[in-house]
Amino acid sequence: MSITYHQDGIFTVVSMEGRFDAIGAREFKKIISQLLEMQQKRIVLNMAQVSFIDSSGMGALVGILRQMTHEGGDMRIAALLPEVHTIFELTRLHRIFDIYDTTAAAIAAG
């Protein structure tokens, strides 16, 4: 998995590409932890290039959401591919995450 990030106004946009599995989950948690240490607490995850997510990836998302909520942060998910969105629905996690069609929509939501 490849993970990059950049600043867009008050949000840090984290773009992910590839398979979000156990290896990707470790890298994701490491990068998000670094961002939180830098006081970057408003994050949009651009998942437009994530072709697959497994339980490790979902667990990493839930863990980081919990941590960010505890620290007063805000994490939004944007641009899920249909097959990945289906996994969010099957696991009912679409009910706990703020999911947007595009990164721009996630940022515009405030």
Protein backbone atom coordinates (compact mmCIF):
# COMPACT_ATOMS: atom_id res chain seq x y z
CA MET A 1 0.00 0.00 0.00
CA SER A 2 1.17 3.49 -0.84
CA ILE A 3 0.16 6.37 1.45
CA THR A 4 0.78 10.06 0.82
CA TYR A 5 -0.64 13.18 2.41
CA HIS A 6 -0.95 16.90 1.83
CA GLN A 7 -2.63 19.89 3.45
CA ASP A 8 -5.87 21.27 1.98
CA GLY A 9 -7.02 24.18 4.12
CA ILE A 10 -7.67 22.95 7.65
CA PHE A 11 -7.71 19.29 6.55
CA THR A 12 -4.88 16.88 5.94
CA VAL A 13 -5.81 14.70 2.97
CA VAL A 14 -4.35 11.22 3.27
CA SER A 15 -4.42 9.39 -0.06
CA MET A 16 -4.14 5.62 -0.04
CA GLU A 17 -3.48 3.28 -2.94
CA GLY A 18 -3.51 -0.50 -3.17
CA ARG A 19 -4.68 -3.21 -0.80
CA PHE A 20 -5.57 -2.18 2.74
CA ASP A 21 -4.57 -5.38 4.52
CA ALA A 22 -2.44 -6.18 7.59
CA ILE A 23 0.70 -4.66 6.06
CA GLY A 24 -1.14 -1.56 4.90
CA ALA A 25 -2.85 -1.24 8.30
CA ARG A 26 0.50 -1.01 10.08
CA GLU A 27 1.72 1.70 7.70
CA PHE A 28 -1.60 3.56 7.98
CA LYS A 29 -1.52 3.60 11.79
CA LYS A 30 2.09 4.77 11.78
CA ILE A 31 1.40 7.69 9.43
CA ILE A 32 -1.80 8.78 11.19
CA SER A 33 -0.02 8.64 14.56
CA GLN A 34 2.70 10.90 13.14
CA LEU A 35 0.07 13.34 11.88
CA LEU A 36 -1.62 13.40 15.28
CA GLU A 37 1.73 14.12 16.93
CA MET A 38 2.02 17.12 14.57
CA GLN A 39 -1.45 18.26 15.77
CA GLN A 40 -3.06 17.39 12.42
CA LYS A 41 -6.43 16.36 13.81
CA ARG A 42 -8.73 16.98 10.84
CA ILE A 43 -8.15 14.22 8.32
CA VAL A 44 -9.85 13.17 5.10
CA LEU A 45 -8.96 9.69 3.86
CA ASN A 46 -9.01 9.61 0.07
CA MET A 47 -9.61 5.93 -0.63
CA ALA A 48 -10.31 6.26 -4.38
CA GLN A 49 -7.36 3.97 -5.16
CA VAL A 50 -7.97 1.36 -2.45
CA SER A 51 -9.00 -1.76 -4.34
CA PHE A 52 -9.41 -4.08 -1.33
CA ILE A 53 -9.85 -3.85 2.43
CA ASP A 54 -9.80 -6.72 4.91
CA SER A 55 -10.52 -6.99 8.63
CA SER A 56 -7.06 -5.64 9.49
CA GLY A 57 -7.73 -2.52 7.46
CA MET A 58 -11.18 -2.07 8.94
CA GLY A 59 -9.78 -2.58 12.44
CA ALA A 60 -7.12 0.06 11.81
CA LEU A 61 -9.78 2.53 10.67
CA VAL A 62 -11.94 1.89 13.73
CA GLY A 63 -8.95 2.17 16.08
CA ILE A 64 -7.79 5.44 14.56
CA LEU A 65 -11.34 6.84 14.57
CA ARG A 66 -11.61 6.00 18.27
CA GLN A 67 -8.24 7.64 18.98
CA MET A 68 -9.09 10.74 16.95
CA THR A 69 -12.48 11.11 18.62
CA HIS A 70 -10.82 10.83 22.03
CA GLU A 71 -8.35 13.58 21.06
CA GLY A 72 -11.04 15.89 19.63
CA GLY A 73 -10.18 15.12 16.02
CA ASP A 74 -12.26 14.59 12.91
CA MET A 75 -11.74 11.81 10.36
CA ARG A 76 -13.75 11.52 7.15
CA ILE A 77 -13.61 8.93 4.41
CA ALA A 78 -13.93 9.87 0.75
CA ALA A 79 -14.23 8.24 -2.66
CA LEU A 80 -14.76 4.57 -1.82
CA LEU A 81 -14.79 2.20 -4.77
CA PRO A 82 -18.06 0.24 -4.97
CA GLU A 83 -16.50 -3.05 -3.83
CA VAL A 84 -14.91 -1.38 -0.80
CA HIS A 85 -18.11 0.53 0.00
CA THR A 86 -19.96 -2.80 0.01
CA ILE A 87 -17.61 -4.07 2.72
CA PHE A 88 -18.38 -0.99 4.83
CA GLU A 89 -22.09 -1.72 4.41
CA LEU A 90 -21.80 -5.45 5.14
CA THR A 91 -19.93 -4.70 8.35
CA ARG A 92 -22.29 -1.80 9.13
CA LEU A 93 -19.31 0.48 9.57
CA HIS A 94 -20.84 2.93 7.13
CA ARG A 95 -22.97 3.97 10.11
CA ILE A 96 -20.04 5.11 12.24
CA PHE A 97 -17.85 6.76 9.59
CA ASP A 98 -18.61 10.00 7.76
CA ILE A 99 -18.34 8.84 4.14
CA TYR A 100 -18.40 11.23 1.18
CA ASP A 101 -18.42 10.68 -2.58
CA THR A 102 -15.37 12.88 -3.15
CA THR A 103 -12.53 14.43 -1.20
CA ALA A 104 -13.83 17.87 -2.12
CA ALA A 105 -17.25 17.02 -0.67
CA ALA A 106 -15.65 15.81 2.57
CA ILE A 107 -13.69 19.04 2.92
CA ALA A 108 -16.66 21.23 1.97
CA ALA A 109 -18.82 19.60 4.66
CA GLY A 110 -16.85 21.63 7.17
